[in-house]
Amino acid sequence: MKKILLSTFLLFSLGQCSKNEASDPSNESGIIKVFGNPIAEKPFPGDYTFFKDASYGNKVQNKLDLLLPKSENLKGVVLYFHGGSFLFGSKEDLYQSPSKEFIIALLTSNIAVINAEYTFIDDPLSEGVFTALEEGSEVIRFTEENASLLSIPPQKIILAGVSAGAGIAQWNGFQSDSNSSIAGVLATIAQSTYDLYDWQTIFPEFSITALRNEFVELDDLFLQFYNGEATEEKRTLLDYRGFMDANDPPLYVYNPVYEETLLNSEGNLDFNILFHSVKHADYLRLKALEVGQEFSGAYQESPEQFVIRILSQ
């Protein structure tokens, strides 16, 4: 596994609060100090407390929501990152179906959820996709620092996301510095790597160079994504598939898009297939098999069953 030095995780030595601590009024005031006052209007009914727009970093976009079950025996926490090609989407997406049903299942199983925003690649303060990925690291650090306050057991963090959010989860979850903190990685509608040139291995008919030459808008997005040209160093730093090894936490990957060809009926490139094809999931599973990393998917269990199983171990 390539050890990435873009961000250094804090040492994770947080213990679980006792039942007395969890019910201590001073502990409650500590949670409010960090996360703000609970919001009465929750995204959906349930026996949980909802905190909205807590700051985990210094940027305007560095906001997260906390959905905290009213339980003294939390099993762990899922850190969730929304999708949107690093250009759109928000944490509010999680509160719509089918994600809503997934979150409700976690809350009823005494699993907390932290739902985070991040900076898009077209933001003036962005340094390409690196900014969003490193903000994922900040969310992990923030969670580690407050795990004892929330009565979250040590080493019971699962990273989860859809599409771009799945990339944030994988990039952080497969790094050696995070192996001791992360219990599992859940990637749905995922990409297999952010070395985009490696996608040409998955899709032989796909040529980044040809597309950049043909479509100016795509070339602009490419330069925003890599914060300039895609040097070998950047490609290596973004190839999270290359980080995978047997010491990594278990991976759950599910991509439901099965079409074989990248071209639609009009002869144009179908970006839904390019970004979300089952071939990406197969490419990740192949790597996991090669290195001996545990993996799962919809053929074996549902996403919530994976999370509950991992956090119950």
Protein backbone atom coordinates (compact mmCIF):
# COMPACT_ATOMS: atom_id res chain seq x y z
CA MET A 1 0.00 0.00 0.00
CA LYS A 2 1.29 3.44 -0.88
CA LYS A 3 1.38 5.60 2.20
CA ILE A 4 -0.15 8.97 1.44
CA LEU A 5 1.30 12.01 3.21
CA LEU A 6 -1.24 14.61 2.10
CA SER A 7 -2.86 14.47 5.52
CA THR A 8 -1.87 12.91 8.83
CA PHE A 9 -4.51 11.32 10.96
CA LEU A 10 -4.57 11.84 14.72
CA LEU A 11 -3.72 8.85 16.88
CA PHE A 12 -6.96 7.12 17.78
CA SER A 13 -7.02 6.44 21.50
CA LEU A 14 -10.56 7.34 22.44
CA GLY A 15 -12.41 5.15 24.90
CA GLN A 16 -16.12 4.50 25.11
CA CYS A 17 -18.09 6.58 27.62
CA SER A 18 -19.80 4.74 30.41
CA LYS A 19 -23.56 4.78 30.74
CA ASN A 20 -23.23 7.37 33.48
CA GLU A 21 -21.22 9.62 31.19
CA ALA A 22 -23.75 9.25 28.37
CA SER A 23 -26.54 10.44 30.66
CA ASP A 24 -24.44 13.13 32.39
CA PRO A 25 -25.88 16.64 31.80
CA SER A 26 -22.35 17.99 31.40
CA ASN A 27 -21.80 15.48 28.60
CA GLU A 28 -24.96 16.74 26.92
CA SER A 29 -23.72 20.32 27.21
CA GLY A 30 -20.42 19.22 25.68
CA ILE A 31 -22.23 17.79 22.66
CA ILE A 32 -24.19 21.02 22.24
CA LYS A 33 -20.96 23.03 22.47
CA VAL A 34 -19.50 21.08 19.54
CA PHE A 35 -22.59 20.36 17.42
CA GLY A 36 -24.93 23.19 18.39
CA ASN A 37 -28.46 22.90 19.69
CA PRO A 38 -30.58 19.97 18.47
CA ILE A 39 -32.97 20.73 15.63
CA ALA A 40 -36.62 20.02 16.38
CA GLU A 41 -37.52 19.53 12.71
CA LYS A 42 -35.85 16.22 11.87
CA PRO A 43 -35.55 14.85 8.32
CA PHE A 44 -37.73 11.87 9.23
CA PRO A 45 -39.40 10.45 12.37
CA GLY A 46 -37.42 8.35 14.79
CA ASP A 47 -35.93 8.08 18.26
CA TYR A 48 -32.81 10.12 17.57
CA THR A 49 -31.47 13.62 18.11
CA PHE A 50 -30.68 15.76 15.05
CA PHE A 51 -27.87 18.31 14.93
CA LYS A 52 -27.51 20.33 11.74
CA ASP A 53 -24.63 22.22 10.11
CA ALA A 54 -21.90 21.73 12.70
CA SER A 55 -18.52 22.97 11.48
CA TYR A 56 -15.69 20.45 11.09
CA GLY A 57 -13.29 22.82 9.29
CA ASN A 58 -12.65 26.41 8.36
CA LYS A 59 -14.35 26.60 4.96
CA VAL A 60 -17.97 27.54 4.40
CA GLN A 61 -18.59 24.09 2.91
CA ASN A 62 -17.16 22.27 5.95
CA LYS A 63 -20.52 21.47 7.52
CA LEU A 64 -21.99 18.22 8.76
CA ASP A 65 -25.17 16.87 10.33
CA LEU A 66 -25.25 14.42 13.22
CA LEU A 67 -28.08 11.90 13.66
CA LEU A 68 -27.56 10.45 17.13
CA PRO A 69 -29.74 7.57 18.39
CA LYS A 70 -31.11 8.03 21.89
CA SER A 71 -29.21 5.05 23.24
CA GLU A 72 -26.51 4.45 25.81
CA ASN A 73 -25.15 1.52 23.79
CA LEU A 74 -24.13 2.86 20.40
CA LYS A 75 -22.53 0.29 18.09
CA GLY A 76 -20.60 2.85 16.07
CA VAL A 77 -20.94 5.60 13.51
CA VAL A 78 -21.22 5.85 9.73
CA LEU A 79 -19.58 8.85 8.05
CA TYR A 80 -21.51 9.51 4.86
CA PHE A 81 -20.45 11.57 1.82
CA HIS A 82 -22.95 12.50 -0.90
CA GLY A 83 -22.43 12.14 -4.64
CA GLY A 84 -22.55 14.61 -7.51
CA SER A 85 -19.35 14.35 -9.61
CA PHE A 86 -17.64 16.77 -7.17
CA LEU A 87 -19.73 19.48 -8.82
CA PHE A 88 -23.16 19.34 -7.19
CA GLY A 89 -25.31 17.50 -4.66
CA SER A 90 -25.59 18.08 -0.91
CA LYS A 91 -25.97 16.25 2.37
CA GLU A 92 -29.71 16.80 2.04
CA ASP A 93 -29.68 14.03 -0.61
CA LEU A 94 -29.26 11.49 2.18
CA TYR A 95 -32.70 12.27 3.54
CA GLN A 96 -34.47 11.17 0.34
CA SER A 97 -35.32 7.62 -0.74
CA PRO A 98 -33.65 5.17 -1.09
CA SER A 99 -30.89 6.56 1.16
CA LYS A 100 -33.47 7.50 3.78
CA GLU A 101 -34.44 3.88 4.36
CA PHE A 102 -30.77 2.96 4.75
CA ILE A 103 -30.24 5.64 7.40
CA ILE A 104 -33.41 4.72 9.30
CA ALA A 105 -32.21 1.10 9.46
CA LEU A 106 -28.91 2.26 10.97
CA LEU A 107 -30.51 4.53 13.54
CA THR A 108 -32.90 1.82 14.72
CA SER A 109 -29.84 -0.43 15.15
CA ASN A 110 -28.18 2.12 17.47
CA ILE A 111 -25.70 3.36 14.87
CA ALA A 112 -25.02 7.09 14.63
CA VAL A 113 -24.68 8.87 11.29
CA ILE A 114 -22.52 11.86 10.40
CA ASN A 115 -23.49 13.36 7.05
CA ALA A 116 -20.91 15.75 5.59
CA GLU A 117 -20.55 18.40 2.89
CA TYR A 118 -17.28 19.08 1.05
CA THR A 119 -15.77 21.55 -1.41
CA PHE A 120 -16.49 21.11 -5.14
CA ILE A 121 -13.74 21.17 -7.77
CA ASP A 122 -15.10 24.36 -9.38
CA ASP A 123 -14.86 26.33 -6.13
CA PRO A 124 -12.30 29.18 -6.26
CA LEU A 125 -10.62 27.82 -3.11
CA SER A 126 -10.45 24.25 -4.40
CA GLU A 127 -7.20 22.53 -5.32
CA GLY A 128 -9.02 20.01 -7.43
CA VAL A 129 -10.39 16.76 -6.10
CA PHE A 130 -7.60 16.70 -3.51
CA THR A 131 -9.49 19.30 -1.46
CA ALA A 132 -12.65 17.19 -1.20
CA LEU A 133 -10.66 14.05 -0.39
CA GLU A 134 -8.68 15.76 2.35
CA GLU A 135 -11.87 17.23 3.78
CA GLY A 136 -13.00 13.63 4.16
CA SER A 137 -9.89 13.17 6.30
CA GLU A 138 -10.94 16.19 8.36
CA VAL A 139 -14.34 14.62 9.00
CA ILE A 140 -12.60 11.48 10.25
CA ARG A 141 -10.38 13.50 12.58
CA PHE A 142 -13.37 15.48 13.84
CA THR A 143 -15.22 12.23 14.57
CA GLU A 144 -12.23 10.70 16.36
CA GLU A 145 -11.83 13.79 18.52
CA ASN A 146 -15.50 13.68 19.57
CA ALA A 147 -16.05 9.91 19.71
CA SER A 148 -15.78 9.75 23.50
CA LEU A 149 -18.15 12.71 23.85
CA LEU A 150 -20.74 10.87 21.71
CA SER A 151 -20.16 7.50 23.45
CA ILE A 152 -18.98 5.94 20.18
CA PRO A 153 -16.81 2.85 20.76
CA PRO A 154 -13.20 3.04 19.52
CA GLN A 155 -12.43 1.73 16.03
CA LYS A 156 -16.11 1.65 15.10
CA ILE A 157 -16.16 4.11 12.21
CA ILE A 158 -17.48 3.11 8.80
CA LEU A 159 -16.90 5.34 5.79
CA ALA A 160 -19.74 5.38 3.27
CA GLY A 161 -20.69 7.28 0.16
CA VAL A 162 -22.30 7.25 -3.25
CA SER A 163 -20.42 8.02 -6.49
CA ALA A 164 -18.05 10.91 -5.67
CA GLY A 165 -18.75 10.30 -1.98
CA ALA A 166 -17.74 6.66 -2.45
CA GLY A 167 -14.42 7.92 -3.78
CA ILE A 168 -13.89 10.01 -0.66
CA ALA A 169 -14.67 6.95 1.48
CA GLN A 170 -12.29 4.68 -0.43
CA TRP A 171 -9.43 7.18 -0.74
CA ASN A 172 -9.43 7.65 3.03
CA GLY A 173 -10.36 4.11 4.05
CA PHE A 174 -7.60 2.36 2.10
CA GLN A 175 -4.72 4.42 3.47
CA SER A 176 -2.41 2.80 5.99
CA ASP A 177 -2.74 5.71 8.41
CA SER A 178 -6.48 5.10 8.78
CA ASN A 179 -6.51 1.31 9.03
CA SER A 180 -6.61 1.36 12.83
CA SER A 181 -9.60 3.72 12.93
CA ILE A 182 -11.85 2.53 10.11
CA ALA A 183 -13.91 -0.65 10.54
CA GLY A 184 -15.33 -0.77 7.01
CA VAL A 185 -15.83 1.06 3.71
CA LEU A 186 -19.18 1.11 1.91
CA ALA A 187 -19.03 2.32 -1.71
CA THR A 188 -22.16 2.45 -3.86
CA ILE A 189 -22.33 3.51 -7.52
CA ALA A 190 -18.58 3.83 -7.15
CA GLN A 191 -15.58 4.59 -9.28
CA SER A 192 -12.60 2.24 -9.07
CA THR A 193 -9.80 4.83 -9.04
CA TYR A 194 -9.21 8.52 -9.61
CA ASP A 195 -6.32 7.83 -11.92
CA LEU A 196 -8.68 8.47 -14.82
CA TYR A 197 -6.21 7.09 -17.32
CA ASP A 198 -6.61 3.69 -15.67
CA TRP A 199 -10.26 3.76 -16.76
CA GLN A 200 -8.95 3.00 -20.23
CA THR A 201 -8.10 -0.46 -18.87
CA ILE A 202 -11.75 -0.98 -17.90
CA PHE A 203 -13.22 0.58 -21.05
CA PRO A 204 -10.96 -0.09 -24.07
CA GLU A 205 -13.10 2.19 -26.25
CA PHE A 206 -12.58 5.12 -23.85
CA SER A 207 -9.81 7.64 -24.57
CA ILE A 208 -9.31 10.60 -22.27
CA THR A 209 -6.97 12.33 -24.70
CA ALA A 210 -9.45 12.05 -27.59
CA LEU A 211 -12.30 13.37 -25.46
CA ARG A 212 -10.25 16.28 -24.14
CA ASN A 213 -9.36 17.23 -27.70
CA GLU A 214 -12.98 17.01 -28.86
CA PHE A 215 -14.83 18.65 -25.97
CA VAL A 216 -13.50 21.89 -24.47
CA GLU A 217 -15.91 21.71 -21.53
CA LEU A 218 -14.66 18.23 -20.63
CA ASP A 219 -11.06 19.42 -20.87
CA ASP A 220 -11.85 22.25 -18.44
CA LEU A 221 -13.39 19.81 -15.97
CA PHE A 222 -10.38 17.51 -16.31
CA LEU A 223 -8.03 20.38 -15.39
CA GLN A 224 -10.26 21.34 -12.46
CA PHE A 225 -10.34 17.74 -11.24
CA TYR A 226 -6.54 17.38 -11.23
CA ASN A 227 -5.87 21.05 -10.37
CA GLY A 228 -3.85 21.27 -13.59
CA GLU A 229 -2.41 18.55 -15.74
CA ALA A 230 -2.50 14.94 -14.53
CA THR A 231 1.13 14.34 -13.61
CA GLU A 232 2.35 10.88 -12.66
CA GLU A 233 2.62 12.04 -9.05
CA LYS A 234 -1.00 13.22 -8.95
CA ARG A 235 -2.25 10.08 -10.64
CA THR A 236 -0.42 7.93 -8.08
CA LEU A 237 -1.77 9.97 -5.18
CA LEU A 238 -5.32 9.56 -6.49
CA ASP A 239 -5.16 5.86 -7.36
CA TYR A 240 -6.85 4.56 -4.21
CA ARG A 241 -7.24 1.15 -5.86
CA GLY A 242 -3.46 1.01 -5.68
CA PHE A 243 -3.59 1.53 -1.90
CA MET A 244 -5.59 -1.65 -1.30
CA ASP A 245 -4.02 -4.48 0.70
CA ALA A 246 -4.95 -7.22 3.16
CA ASN A 247 -4.69 -4.83 6.13
CA ASP A 248 -7.48 -2.61 4.84
CA PRO A 249 -10.97 -2.69 6.37
CA PRO A 250 -13.66 -4.76 4.62
CA LEU A 251 -15.09 -3.21 1.46
CA TYR A 252 -18.73 -3.29 0.36
CA VAL A 253 -19.13 -2.25 -3.28
CA TYR A 254 -22.28 -2.17 -5.37
CA ASN A 255 -22.74 -0.73 -8.87
CA PRO A 256 -26.10 -1.51 -10.50
CA VAL A 257 -25.30 -0.16 -14.00
CA TYR A 258 -24.72 -3.18 -16.26
CA GLU A 259 -24.74 -1.77 -19.81
CA GLU A 260 -21.77 -3.00 -21.85
CA THR A 261 -21.19 -0.10 -24.21
CA LEU A 262 -20.21 3.48 -23.40
CA LEU A 263 -22.04 4.86 -26.43
CA ASN A 264 -25.78 5.53 -26.34
CA SER A 265 -28.22 5.14 -29.23
CA GLU A 266 -27.18 8.55 -30.61
CA GLY A 267 -23.53 7.55 -30.61
CA ASN A 268 -22.63 9.83 -27.70
CA LEU A 269 -20.69 8.90 -24.60
CA ASP A 270 -22.98 7.79 -21.76
CA PHE A 271 -21.42 9.30 -18.64
CA ASN A 272 -23.68 7.31 -16.31
CA ILE A 273 -22.10 4.12 -17.61
CA LEU A 274 -18.61 5.63 -17.60
CA PHE A 275 -18.91 6.73 -13.97
CA HIS A 276 -21.06 3.95 -12.52
CA SER A 277 -20.64 0.78 -14.57
CA VAL A 278 -20.48 -2.55 -12.78
CA LYS A 279 -17.05 -2.84 -14.40
CA HIS A 280 -15.74 -0.40 -11.78
CA ALA A 281 -17.06 -2.65 -9.00
CA ASP A 282 -15.57 -5.72 -10.69
CA TYR A 283 -12.21 -3.94 -10.99
CA LEU A 284 -12.25 -3.20 -7.25
CA ARG A 285 -13.25 -6.77 -6.38
CA LEU A 286 -10.46 -8.10 -8.57
CA LYS A 287 -7.93 -6.03 -6.64
CA ALA A 288 -9.38 -7.14 -3.32
CA LEU A 289 -9.02 -10.77 -4.38
CA GLU A 290 -5.42 -10.17 -5.47
CA VAL A 291 -4.35 -8.65 -2.16
CA GLY A 292 -6.57 -10.65 0.20
CA GLN A 293 -8.83 -7.82 1.33
CA GLU A 294 -12.29 -8.80 2.59
CA PHE A 295 -15.12 -7.59 0.37
CA SER A 296 -18.87 -7.92 0.06
CA GLY A 297 -21.75 -6.70 -2.08
CA ALA A 298 -25.45 -6.87 -2.81
CA TYR A 299 -25.17 -10.51 -3.88
CA GLN A 300 -24.24 -11.32 -0.27
CA GLU A 301 -25.98 -8.75 1.95
CA SER A 302 -27.67 -5.36 1.92
CA PRO A 303 -25.67 -2.20 2.73
CA GLU A 304 -27.29 -1.90 6.15
CA GLN A 305 -26.63 -5.58 6.89
CA PHE A 306 -22.95 -5.02 6.05
CA VAL A 307 -22.71 -2.03 8.39
CA ILE A 308 -24.54 -3.74 11.24
CA ARG A 309 -22.46 -6.92 10.84
CA ILE A 310 -19.14 -5.06 10.84
CA LEU A 311 -20.00 -2.85 13.81
CA SER A 312 -21.29 -5.83 15.79
CA GLN A 313 -17.96 -7.65 15.62
